[in-house]
Protein backbone atom coordinates (compact mmCIF):
# COMPACT_ATOMS: atom_id res chain seq x y z
CA MET A 1 48.08 3.45 -18.94
CA LYS A 2 45.38 3.85 -21.54
CA PHE A 3 41.60 3.26 -21.29
CA LYS A 4 39.91 0.47 -23.17
CA LYS A 5 36.20 0.21 -23.91
CA ILE A 6 34.12 -0.97 -20.95
CA ALA A 7 32.39 -4.27 -21.65
CA ALA A 8 28.60 -4.03 -21.43
CA ALA A 9 28.42 -7.50 -19.92
CA ILE A 10 29.78 -6.30 -16.61
CA MET A 11 26.95 -3.80 -16.13
CA SER A 12 24.83 -6.43 -14.45
CA ALA A 13 22.85 -4.75 -11.68
CA SER A 14 21.63 -1.16 -11.42
CA LEU A 15 22.07 0.24 -7.93
CA MET A 16 20.79 3.73 -8.70
CA SER A 17 18.02 4.85 -11.01
CA THR A 18 20.00 7.91 -12.15
CA THR A 19 23.60 9.04 -12.29
CA ALA A 20 23.01 11.52 -9.46
CA LEU A 21 25.61 11.70 -6.76
CA ALA A 22 25.99 8.87 -4.30
CA HIS A 23 28.56 7.39 -1.98
CA THR A 24 31.36 5.44 -3.70
CA ASN A 25 32.29 8.08 -6.26
CA SER A 26 35.96 7.67 -7.34
CA VAL A 27 38.32 4.92 -8.47
CA GLY A 28 42.08 4.75 -9.02
CA TYR A 29 45.12 2.53 -8.82
CA VAL A 30 48.74 2.83 -7.71
CA GLY A 31 51.71 0.54 -8.49
CA ASP A 32 54.28 -0.11 -5.77
CA GLY A 33 57.22 -0.81 -8.10
CA ASN A 34 57.40 -4.46 -7.04
CA GLY A 35 54.72 -5.90 -9.31
CA ASP A 36 51.74 -5.10 -7.09
CA ILE A 37 48.83 -2.81 -8.04
CA THR A 38 46.48 -1.45 -5.39
CA VAL A 39 43.04 -0.41 -6.61
CA TRP A 40 41.37 2.28 -4.47
CA TYR A 41 37.68 3.21 -4.36
CA GLY A 42 36.76 6.52 -2.70
CA SER A 43 33.54 7.50 -0.93
CA TRP A 44 32.18 10.97 -0.22
CA HIS A 45 31.44 9.84 3.37
CA ASP A 46 33.94 11.28 5.81
CA GLY A 47 35.27 9.17 8.68
CA THR A 48 34.01 5.77 7.52
CA THR A 49 35.72 3.09 9.61
CA PHE A 50 34.85 -0.15 7.84
CA ASN A 51 35.39 -1.97 4.57
CA GLU A 52 32.57 -3.27 2.41
CA ALA A 53 32.10 -5.17 -0.85
CA GLU A 54 34.59 -6.97 -3.13
CA LEU A 55 36.72 -6.27 -6.18
CA LYS A 56 36.84 -8.55 -9.21
CA VAL A 57 39.62 -8.58 -11.83
CA LEU A 58 38.92 -9.59 -15.45
CA ASP A 59 41.49 -10.26 -18.17
CA SER A 60 41.38 -9.00 -21.76
CA ASN A 61 38.78 -11.64 -22.63
CA ASP A 62 36.56 -10.59 -19.68
CA ALA A 63 37.37 -13.85 -17.90
CA LYS A 64 37.63 -13.56 -14.14
CA ILE A 65 41.16 -13.78 -12.77
CA THR A 66 40.34 -13.26 -9.10
CA GLN A 67 37.86 -11.68 -6.70
CA THR A 68 38.73 -10.48 -3.21
CA GLN A 69 37.32 -8.41 -0.38
CA PHE A 70 38.50 -4.87 0.18
CA ASN A 71 40.95 -4.97 3.11
CA LEU A 72 42.67 -1.58 3.06
CA LEU A 73 41.15 1.59 4.53
CA SER A 74 42.35 5.20 4.54
CA GLN A 75 40.94 8.49 5.81
CA ASP A 76 43.33 10.38 3.50
CA SER A 77 43.61 10.04 -0.26
CA PRO A 78 46.27 7.36 -0.86
CA ALA A 79 49.64 8.50 -2.16
CA GLY A 80 50.18 8.20 -5.92
CA LEU A 81 46.63 8.96 -7.12
CA ILE A 82 46.93 11.50 -9.96
CA SER A 83 43.71 12.96 -11.35
CA GLY A 84 43.17 12.02 -14.98
CA VAL A 85 46.13 9.64 -15.01
CA ASN A 86 45.24 6.89 -12.58
CA TYR A 87 42.42 8.49 -10.58
CA PHE A 88 38.88 9.10 -11.88
CA GLY A 89 35.31 10.07 -11.07
CA SER A 90 32.11 9.64 -13.08
CA ASP A 91 29.74 12.01 -14.88
CA GLY A 92 27.09 9.28 -15.19
CA THR A 93 28.09 8.24 -18.72
CA GLN A 94 31.86 7.83 -18.57
CA LEU A 95 34.86 8.04 -16.25
CA ILE A 96 36.32 11.55 -16.02
CA ASP A 97 39.30 13.19 -14.34
CA TYR A 98 38.77 13.17 -10.58
CA ASP A 99 39.32 16.90 -10.11
CA VAL A 100 36.86 17.86 -12.87
CA ASN A 101 34.00 17.04 -10.46
CA THR A 102 31.03 17.58 -12.77
CA GLY A 103 28.65 16.31 -10.09
CA GLY A 104 30.26 13.23 -8.63
CA GLY A 105 31.49 15.08 -5.57
CA GLU A 106 34.75 14.59 -3.71
CA SER A 107 35.96 11.55 -1.81
CA TYR A 108 36.91 11.57 1.88
CA THR A 109 37.41 7.87 2.70
CA TRP A 110 39.09 5.18 0.57
CA GLN A 111 39.11 1.38 0.61
CA GLY A 112 41.49 -0.76 -1.43
CA ALA A 113 42.64 -4.21 -2.51
CA THR A 114 46.06 -5.26 -3.84
CA PHE A 115 46.81 -7.58 -6.77
CA THR A 116 49.97 -8.91 -8.39
CA LEU A 117 49.60 -8.33 -12.15
CA ALA A 118 51.73 -8.31 -15.29
CA PRO A 119 51.37 -5.65 -18.01
CA GLY A 120 48.20 -6.15 -20.05
CA ASP A 121 44.51 -5.33 -20.39
CA TYR A 122 42.39 -5.60 -17.23
CA THR A 123 38.99 -4.59 -15.93
CA PHE A 124 38.46 -3.96 -12.23
CA VAL A 125 34.81 -4.43 -11.21
CA TYR A 126 33.29 -3.29 -7.90
CA ILE A 127 30.98 -6.04 -6.49
CA PRO A 128 28.60 -4.48 -3.93
CA LEU A 129 26.59 -6.37 -1.34
CA GLN A 130 23.36 -7.84 -2.78
CA ASP A 131 25.01 -8.22 -6.20
CA ALA A 132 24.50 -11.55 -7.93
CA GLU A 133 28.28 -12.15 -7.78
CA SER A 134 28.72 -11.15 -4.14
CA THR A 135 30.15 -13.86 -1.91
CA LEU A 136 29.54 -11.75 1.22
CA CYS A 137 25.85 -11.03 0.67
CA PRO A 138 24.39 -12.51 -2.55
CA ALA A 139 21.27 -11.02 -4.11
CA GLY A 140 18.14 -12.08 -2.26
CA THR A 141 19.91 -12.57 1.07
CA SER A 142 18.00 -10.90 3.91
CA GLY A 143 19.64 -8.84 6.62
CA CYS A 144 22.48 -7.38 4.53
CA GLY A 145 22.94 -4.89 1.77
CA PRO A 146 25.02 -1.90 0.66
CA THR A 147 25.42 0.80 3.30
CA GLN A 148 25.10 4.48 2.54
CA ASP A 149 28.87 4.78 3.05
CA TRP A 150 29.84 2.49 0.18
CA VAL A 151 26.92 2.05 -2.25
CA PRO A 152 28.23 2.98 -5.76
CA MET A 153 26.97 6.23 -7.26
CA ASP A 154 26.25 4.61 -10.65
CA GLU A 155 27.21 1.72 -12.91
CA ILE A 156 30.07 3.68 -14.52
CA ILE A 157 32.06 4.02 -11.30
CA ARG A 158 31.77 0.27 -10.73
CA SER A 159 34.12 -0.58 -13.58
CA LEU A 160 37.62 0.59 -14.54
CA SER A 161 39.08 -0.90 -17.71
CA VAL A 162 42.76 -0.13 -18.31
CA THR A 163 45.81 -1.26 -20.18
CA LEU A 164 48.50 -1.55 -17.51
CA THR A 165 52.01 -0.72 -18.73
CA GLN A 166 55.22 -1.64 -17.02
CA GLY A 167 55.35 1.98 -15.91
CA ASP A 168 51.99 1.63 -14.15
CA ILE A 169 53.19 -1.46 -12.33
CA ASP A 170 56.52 0.18 -11.47
CA GLY A 171 54.64 3.10 -9.89
CA ASP A 172 55.14 5.76 -12.59
CA ALA A 173 51.73 5.95 -14.28
CA ASN A 174 52.41 9.24 -16.10
CA GLN A 175 55.91 8.04 -17.09
CA ASN A 176 57.69 11.26 -16.10
CA GLY A 177 60.46 9.52 -14.20
CA ILE A 178 58.99 10.38 -10.78
CA LEU A 179 57.34 7.73 -8.64
CA ASP A 180 53.66 8.52 -8.31
CA VAL A 181 53.78 8.18 -4.50
CA ASN A 182 56.47 10.89 -4.42
CA GLU A 183 54.72 13.12 -6.93
CA VAL A 184 51.36 13.06 -5.11
CA GLY A 185 51.69 12.35 -1.41
CA VAL A 186 49.18 11.10 1.12
CA GLY A 187 46.13 13.38 1.07
CA ASP A 188 47.40 15.50 -1.80
CA ALA A 189 44.89 14.23 -4.37
CA ALA A 190 41.95 15.12 -2.15
CA ALA A 191 43.46 18.43 -1.08
CA ALA A 192 44.16 19.48 -4.66
CA ALA A 193 40.58 18.79 -5.70
CA SER A 194 38.74 20.14 -2.68
CA GLY A 195 39.78 23.17 -0.69
CA PRO A 196 37.07 23.45 2.01
CA THR A 197 36.85 20.51 4.41
CA VAL A 198 33.85 18.52 5.58
CA VAL A 199 32.34 19.86 8.80
CA SER A 200 29.28 17.60 9.06
CA GLN A 201 26.78 15.69 7.01
CA GLY A 202 23.11 16.52 6.44
CA SER A 203 20.18 14.57 5.12
CA SER A 204 16.46 14.78 4.51
CA THR A 205 13.94 12.04 3.82
CA VAL A 206 10.72 12.25 1.82
CA ILE A 207 8.05 9.55 1.95
CA GLY A 208 6.11 9.03 -1.29
CA TYR A 209 2.64 7.52 -1.46
CA VAL A 210 0.65 5.89 -4.28
CA ALA A 211 -2.88 4.73 -3.45
CA ALA A 212 -4.81 2.09 -5.38
CA SER A 213 -8.18 0.53 -4.64
CA GLY A 214 -9.45 -2.87 -5.66
CA GLY A 215 -12.53 -4.68 -4.43
CA VAL A 216 -13.00 -3.90 -0.73
CA ILE A 217 -9.36 -2.99 0.02
CA GLN A 218 -7.29 0.14 -0.52
CA ILE A 219 -3.49 -0.21 -0.64
CA VAL A 220 -1.17 2.77 -0.22
CA GLN A 221 2.28 1.91 -1.56
CA ARG A 222 5.08 3.77 0.26
CA THR A 223 8.64 4.66 -0.72
CA SER A 224 11.30 6.49 1.25
CA THR A 225 13.74 8.72 -0.67
CA THR A 226 16.72 10.18 1.17
CA THR A 227 18.81 13.14 0.01
CA MET A 228 22.26 13.57 1.61
CA TRP A 229 25.06 16.11 1.47
CA ASN A 230 28.28 17.28 3.14
CA ASN A 231 28.36 20.60 4.99
CA MET A 232 31.65 22.28 4.14
CA SER A 233 33.89 24.55 6.22
CA ASP A 234 33.20 27.55 3.95
CA GLY A 235 29.43 27.28 4.43
CA SER A 236 28.79 25.53 1.12
CA ILE A 237 27.50 22.00 0.61
CA ASP A 238 29.10 19.22 -1.40
CA GLY A 239 28.05 15.78 -2.58
CA LEU A 240 24.35 16.63 -2.76
CA HIS A 241 22.67 13.48 -4.01
CA THR A 242 19.50 11.47 -3.81
CA MET A 243 19.52 7.81 -2.91
CA ALA A 244 17.49 5.25 -4.81
CA PRO A 245 13.99 4.99 -3.29
CA VAL A 246 13.51 2.33 -0.61
CA THR A 247 10.21 0.45 -0.60
CA LEU A 248 8.41 0.49 2.77
CA ASP A 249 5.63 -1.79 3.94
CA PRO A 250 2.35 -0.57 2.38
CA PHE A 251 -0.69 0.64 4.28
CA GLU A 252 -3.82 -1.48 3.80
CA GLY A 253 -7.39 -0.67 4.82
CA ARG A 254 -10.98 -1.54 3.98
CA ILE A 255 -13.20 0.67 1.86
CA ASP A 256 -16.49 -1.24 2.19
CA GLN A 257 -17.96 0.69 5.13
CA THR A 258 -20.80 2.23 3.12
CA ALA A 259 -21.55 -1.07 1.38
CA THR A 260 -21.74 -2.79 4.77
CA ALA A 261 -24.20 -0.22 6.12
CA GLN A 262 -26.23 -0.51 2.92
CA ASP A 263 -26.42 -4.28 3.40
CA VAL A 264 -27.54 -3.88 7.04
CA VAL A 265 -30.23 -1.37 6.08
CA GLY A 266 -31.43 -3.61 3.25
CA SER A 267 -31.60 -6.63 5.55
CA THR A 268 -33.52 -4.61 8.13
CA LEU A 269 -36.09 -3.29 5.65
CA ARG A 270 -36.60 -6.71 4.05
CA ASN A 271 -37.93 -8.17 7.30
CA LEU A 272 -39.75 -5.09 8.54
CA ASP A 273 -43.52 -5.25 9.09
CA PHE A 274 -44.67 -1.73 8.17
CA TYR A 275 -48.27 -2.27 9.13
CA ASN A 276 -48.23 -1.92 12.91
CA ILE A 277 -46.76 0.25 15.63
CA GLN A 278 -43.51 -1.06 17.08
CA GLY A 279 -40.05 -0.29 18.36
CA ILE A 280 -37.04 -2.07 16.83
CA ARG A 281 -33.57 -3.00 18.03
CA MET A 282 -31.11 -4.91 15.84
CA ASN A 283 -27.53 -6.06 16.31
CA SER A 284 -25.33 -6.86 13.29
CA LYS A 285 -21.96 -8.59 13.08
CA TYR A 286 -20.17 -8.83 9.73
CA ASP A 287 -17.23 -10.92 8.57
CA ASN A 288 -15.26 -7.80 7.56
CA GLY A 289 -14.87 -6.87 11.23
CA MET A 290 -17.66 -4.30 11.44
CA SER A 291 -20.46 -4.62 13.97
CA GLY A 292 -23.08 -2.43 15.57
CA GLY A 293 -26.76 -1.82 15.95
CA THR A 294 -29.91 -0.41 14.40
CA THR A 295 -32.72 1.24 16.33
CA GLY A 296 -35.95 2.79 15.18
CA ALA A 297 -39.72 2.80 15.20
CA VAL A 298 -42.53 1.93 12.79
CA VAL A 299 -45.92 3.57 12.58
CA GLY A 300 -48.47 1.88 10.33
CA GLY A 301 -51.67 -0.01 10.10
CA SER A 302 -54.10 -1.92 7.91
CA LYS A 303 -57.82 -1.85 7.11
CA GLU A 304 -59.97 -4.59 5.67
CA LEU A 305 -62.55 -3.32 3.19
CA GLU A 306 -66.03 -4.70 2.68
CA ASN A 307 -64.93 -6.57 -0.44
CA GLY A 308 -62.37 -8.52 1.59
CA VAL A 309 -59.36 -6.56 0.32
CA THR A 310 -56.99 -5.27 2.98
CA ILE A 311 -55.09 -2.04 2.39
CA MET A 312 -51.89 -1.37 4.33
CA GLY A 313 -49.47 1.48 4.84
CA GLY A 314 -46.64 2.51 7.14
CA PHE A 315 -43.61 4.68 7.82
CA THR A 316 -40.32 4.06 9.63
CA ARG A 317 -37.22 5.94 10.79
CA LEU A 318 -34.08 3.87 11.47
CA GLY A 319 -30.63 4.76 12.74
CA THR A 320 -27.71 2.40 12.08
CA SER A 321 -24.22 2.72 13.59
CA LEU A 322 -21.36 0.34 12.77
CA THR A 323 -17.69 0.32 13.83
CA GLY A 324 -14.66 -1.91 13.29
CA ASN A 325 -11.05 -1.89 12.06
CA GLY A 326 -10.72 1.72 13.21
CA ASP A 327 -13.58 2.69 10.88
CA SER A 328 -17.19 3.77 11.41
CA VAL A 329 -20.34 4.42 9.43
CA ASP A 330 -23.66 5.96 10.47
CA ALA A 331 -26.82 5.63 8.39
CA GLU A 332 -30.14 7.45 8.83
CA THR A 333 -33.02 5.83 6.94
CA THR A 334 -36.54 7.04 6.20
CA ALA A 335 -38.83 4.50 4.50
CA PHE A 336 -42.47 4.26 3.38
CA ALA A 337 -44.55 1.26 2.36
CA ALA A 338 -48.03 0.65 0.99
CA GLY A 339 -49.75 -2.53 -0.05
CA ILE A 340 -52.89 -4.52 -0.66
CA GLU A 341 -53.76 -8.11 0.26
CA ASN A 342 -56.57 -10.50 -0.67
CA ASN A 343 -56.92 -14.27 -0.37
CA GLY A 344 -53.30 -14.79 0.57
CA VAL A 345 -51.91 -12.67 -2.27
CA SER A 346 -50.22 -9.39 -1.38
CA LEU A 347 -48.51 -6.64 -3.38
CA GLU A 348 -46.26 -4.12 -1.61
CA LEU A 349 -44.40 -1.04 -2.81
CA ARG A 350 -41.52 0.27 -0.69
CA ARG A 351 -39.24 3.29 -0.87
CA ALA A 352 -36.28 4.02 1.43
CA ASN A 353 -33.92 7.02 1.51
CA THR A 354 -30.67 6.72 3.50
CA ASP A 355 -27.95 9.24 4.39
CA TYR A 356 -24.50 7.81 5.12
CA ASP A 357 -21.58 9.32 7.09
CA VAL A 358 -18.34 7.35 6.78
CA SER A 359 -15.04 7.60 8.65
CA ARG A 360 -12.12 5.30 7.87
CA THR A 361 -8.40 4.95 8.60
CA ILE A 362 -5.54 3.45 6.63
CA GLY A 363 -2.10 3.47 8.21
CA ASP A 364 -1.34 7.04 9.33
CA PHE A 365 -4.18 8.51 7.25
CA ALA A 366 -7.86 9.18 7.94
CA ASN A 367 -10.71 10.13 5.61
CA THR A 368 -14.39 10.93 5.90
CA GLY A 369 -17.22 10.99 3.40
CA GLU A 370 -20.93 11.72 3.06
CA THR A 371 -23.37 10.25 0.56
CA ALA A 372 -26.99 9.23 0.13
CA GLY A 373 -28.78 6.26 -1.38
CA THR A 374 -32.23 4.97 -2.22
CA ASP A 375 -33.91 1.56 -2.34
CA THR A 376 -37.18 1.20 -4.26
CA SER A 377 -38.88 -2.18 -4.60
CA ALA A 378 -42.09 -4.01 -5.43
CA ARG A 379 -42.84 -7.35 -3.77
CA LEU A 380 -45.48 -9.90 -4.74
CA MET A 381 -46.16 -12.63 -2.18
CA TYR A 382 -48.52 -15.62 -2.04
CA SER A 383 -49.29 -17.56 1.16
CA PRO A 384 -52.35 -19.78 0.89
CA GLU A 385 -54.22 -20.78 4.04
CA THR A 386 -53.66 -24.52 4.26
CA GLY A 387 -53.64 -24.97 8.00
CA LYS A 388 -51.47 -23.96 10.91
CA VAL A 389 -48.32 -24.08 8.74
CA ASN A 390 -48.57 -22.39 5.35
CA PRO A 391 -46.15 -22.13 2.43
CA VAL A 392 -44.88 -18.77 1.22
CA PHE A 393 -43.86 -17.87 -2.33
CA GLY A 394 -42.80 -14.53 -3.63
CA TYR A 395 -40.68 -12.37 -5.86
CA THR A 396 -39.13 -8.96 -5.27
CA ARG A 397 -37.83 -6.58 -7.90
CA GLY A 398 -36.04 -3.41 -6.96
CA LYS A 399 -33.46 -0.73 -7.64
CA ARG A 400 -30.70 0.61 -5.39
CA THR A 401 -28.77 3.82 -6.01
CA MET A 402 -25.84 5.48 -4.27
CA ASP A 403 -24.64 9.02 -4.98
CA GLY A 404 -20.99 9.60 -5.85
CA TYR A 405 -18.80 11.48 -3.37
CA THR A 406 -15.25 12.60 -2.71
CA GLU A 407 -13.66 11.95 0.65
CA THR A 408 -12.11 14.67 2.76
CA GLY A 409 -9.11 14.27 5.04
CA ASP A 410 -5.61 13.12 4.11
CA VAL A 411 -5.07 13.64 0.38
CA GLN A 412 -2.69 10.66 0.14
CA SER A 413 -5.58 8.22 0.61
CA ALA A 414 -8.69 10.28 -0.23
CA ARG A 415 -10.96 8.50 -2.72
CA THR A 416 -13.44 9.76 -5.28
CA VAL A 417 -16.26 7.22 -5.37
CA ALA A 418 -18.49 6.98 -8.42
CA SER A 419 -22.27 6.82 -8.15
CA THR A 420 -23.94 3.43 -8.51
CA ASP A 421 -27.29 2.36 -9.96
CA GLU A 422 -28.21 -1.31 -9.47
CA MET A 423 -31.28 -3.33 -10.39
CA TYR A 424 -31.88 -6.44 -8.33
CA GLY A 425 -34.38 -9.24 -8.03
CA TYR A 426 -34.80 -12.36 -5.91
CA GLY A 427 -37.31 -15.07 -5.25
CA THR A 428 -38.60 -16.14 -1.85
CA VAL A 429 -39.78 -19.51 -0.59
CA GLY A 430 -40.58 -20.48 2.98
CA LEU A 431 -43.04 -21.44 5.65
CA ARG A 432 -45.20 -19.41 7.97
CA GLY A 433 -46.75 -21.07 11.00
CA ASP A 434 -49.41 -19.92 13.46
CA LEU A 435 -49.51 -22.03 16.60
CA GLY A 436 -51.81 -19.77 18.55
CA LEU A 437 -49.78 -17.72 20.99
CA VAL A 438 -46.58 -18.49 19.09
CA ASP A 439 -45.93 -18.02 15.37
CA PHE A 440 -42.83 -18.45 13.20
CA THR A 441 -41.47 -17.89 9.72
CA VAL A 442 -38.60 -19.52 7.86
CA MET A 443 -37.60 -17.85 4.60
CA HIS A 444 -34.98 -18.48 1.93
CA HIS A 445 -34.28 -15.79 -0.65
CA THR A 446 -32.49 -16.65 -3.87
CA ASP A 447 -29.96 -13.82 -3.42
CA GLY A 448 -28.38 -15.82 -0.58
CA VAL A 449 -30.27 -14.36 2.39
CA ASN A 450 -31.99 -16.60 4.94
CA ASP A 451 -34.37 -15.39 7.67
CA ILE A 452 -35.80 -17.07 10.74
CA SER A 453 -38.28 -15.37 13.09
CA LEU A 454 -40.26 -16.34 16.16
CA GLY A 455 -43.11 -14.23 17.53
CA LEU A 456 -45.49 -14.04 20.45
CA GLU A 457 -48.88 -12.45 19.79
CA LYS A 458 -51.89 -11.65 21.95
CA ASP A 459 -55.17 -10.51 20.41
CA THR A 460 -57.31 -8.37 22.74
CA GLY A 461 -59.95 -7.36 20.22
CA ASP A 462 -59.20 -4.15 18.36
CA VAL A 463 -55.52 -4.33 19.36
CA THR A 464 -53.06 -7.17 18.96
CA TRP A 465 -49.90 -7.03 21.11
CA ARG A 466 -46.81 -8.57 19.55
CA ILE A 467 -43.11 -9.26 20.25
CA GLU A 468 -40.85 -10.85 17.65
CA GLY A 469 -37.24 -11.96 17.28
CA THR A 470 -35.58 -12.34 13.86
CA ARG A 471 -32.22 -13.63 12.70
CA SER A 472 -31.08 -12.69 9.18
CA MET A 473 -28.04 -14.37 7.62
CA THR A 474 -26.28 -13.06 4.49
CA ASP A 475 -23.00 -13.85 2.76
CA LEU A 476 -21.47 -10.87 4.60
CA GLY A 477 -22.68 -11.47 8.17
CA THR A 478 -25.65 -11.80 10.48
CA THR A 479 -28.26 -9.48 11.99
CA ASN A 480 -30.33 -10.27 15.08
CA ALA A 481 -33.45 -8.17 15.66
CA ILE A 482 -36.09 -7.83 18.30
CA SER A 483 -39.26 -5.78 17.93
CA ALA A 484 -42.18 -5.08 20.20
CA GLY A 485 -45.41 -3.26 19.44
CA LEU A 486 -49.07 -3.49 18.65
CA VAL A 487 -51.36 -3.90 15.66
CA ILE A 488 -54.39 -1.64 15.50
CA LYS A 489 -57.30 -2.84 13.44
CA PHE A 490 -59.27 -0.01 11.81
C-alpha cells in the first residue's frame, strides 16, 4: 500500500474546531485474502456496544463507488492492523503511525465495514450523523447526531486515501510473506501501543456565557464545553480532549426597570397639583409586565396678591414600587414647584430628584443597581374663562438626567449603564370643566400621553376640600391615581 494525496473536496463538514483529541481516533484496513477489504475505525471509548455512521468509498477520480453503514463491532483491536502499514492515527494535519500517538490517544472499540475491491486507488471517507451525505441522519434533521462514542476527532481521521496492491487485498499489507492476521493477532495492535488499561472514564463540563444588550432586552448566550478522558490502570490519564462547544438555549431578560420607574414618576409629577395639601395613591400597570403603586403627600398653597396675580408653591415626597418578571424597582422622589398665574395664564417651574434601586433576574443570574435622576421643567399654560367648560393650551420644556451605574451581583450578566441627559418638550391641549360640585379635565399631550380626571370639590370659605381621580395613559402603560386633601387660601 502507498498513500496518495487526500482530496480537499472530501473535507466537507468540520466536526471539531481544533485537532484536539476526540472519540473516533484511528483508521485501518485488513484484507482477508479472498478479495475483501475490511476498513476499521477505532474510538477511544471503551466498551461501546453500538455502531454509528457510514463509510463511503471513492475511486481514483473521487467518484463514489458505494456507501454503507458500519456493521462490524469489536472490543479488541481487529487482527491484521499493523501500525504505520495499514493502521493510522492523526496529529491534526496528517495521518500518522497509530503507535506514535502524538495526541490522538489510543483506541479501545472498533467498528468496521467490508468491501470487495480490486487493486487500485481508493479513498475511504467516514460519514458521521448530521453530515450532508448521511442517509441515516442528514444535516438539519432533529433528534439525531453524532454520539460522544463515535464523533470523529478531526477532518483528517475522516479520510484514508490509499493505493491498494494485490498484497493488501491478499492480506499481506507489508509484503513480508506473512498474513497480517497471523502477524498481528486480535488485540495485539492495541496492546502494543498502550500498556496500561482503561479503568474508567472522567469528564468535566464548563458553561460559557456572553451577554449582550439591545433595546429593553438583555440576552446571555450560553455554550457548554465538555472535556473527557480515560483513567488508566497505572494512575495516568489518556485521551484527554475537549469536545466542540454545544450551544444551549440563551437566557433573556428585561433591562428597562429603571426606565419604567422613571416613566411612572414623570407621569405622576405631570398631573400633580402642588398648590394644596393632599395625600396621593396611584396604581400603575405597564405593558412590559411591571406593575405597582405610588404613594405620597403634597404640601403647598397659593396666595392672590392685590394686583390680581396669584403666587403658588409646593413640595412633595413620593415613593414608587414596581415588580414584574422576577424584577423590582423602588424610586424615592422629592420635588418642588413654584409658579405665578394671572388672567388664565400660568407659568410653573418644577424640579424633581429621584433615587432608584433596581433588582433584576435573567435565567440563573441576578443583579442589583443604584442610581439617581433629575427632572427639571418649565410649563406655560393658558386657560381662558369662557364659561363652565374652558379650553386649555400649553407647552412644557424640560430636561431629564440619569446617573451612570454599574450593577452588582452575578458577573456573567452585570451591566455598566451609561449616564443619560435628555431634553424634552411637548404641547398640551384640552378642556377643563367646572360643574359646581363636580369638575373634570381632559388633556392630550403631544408626546403621546393622555390624561382624564374627575374631581369633587367643596368650598367652605378659607378651605376647599377636594377629592380627585386621574387616569394617565402612555405608550408604555396606564396609571390610575386618587388624591384627597384641602386647599388653604392665604
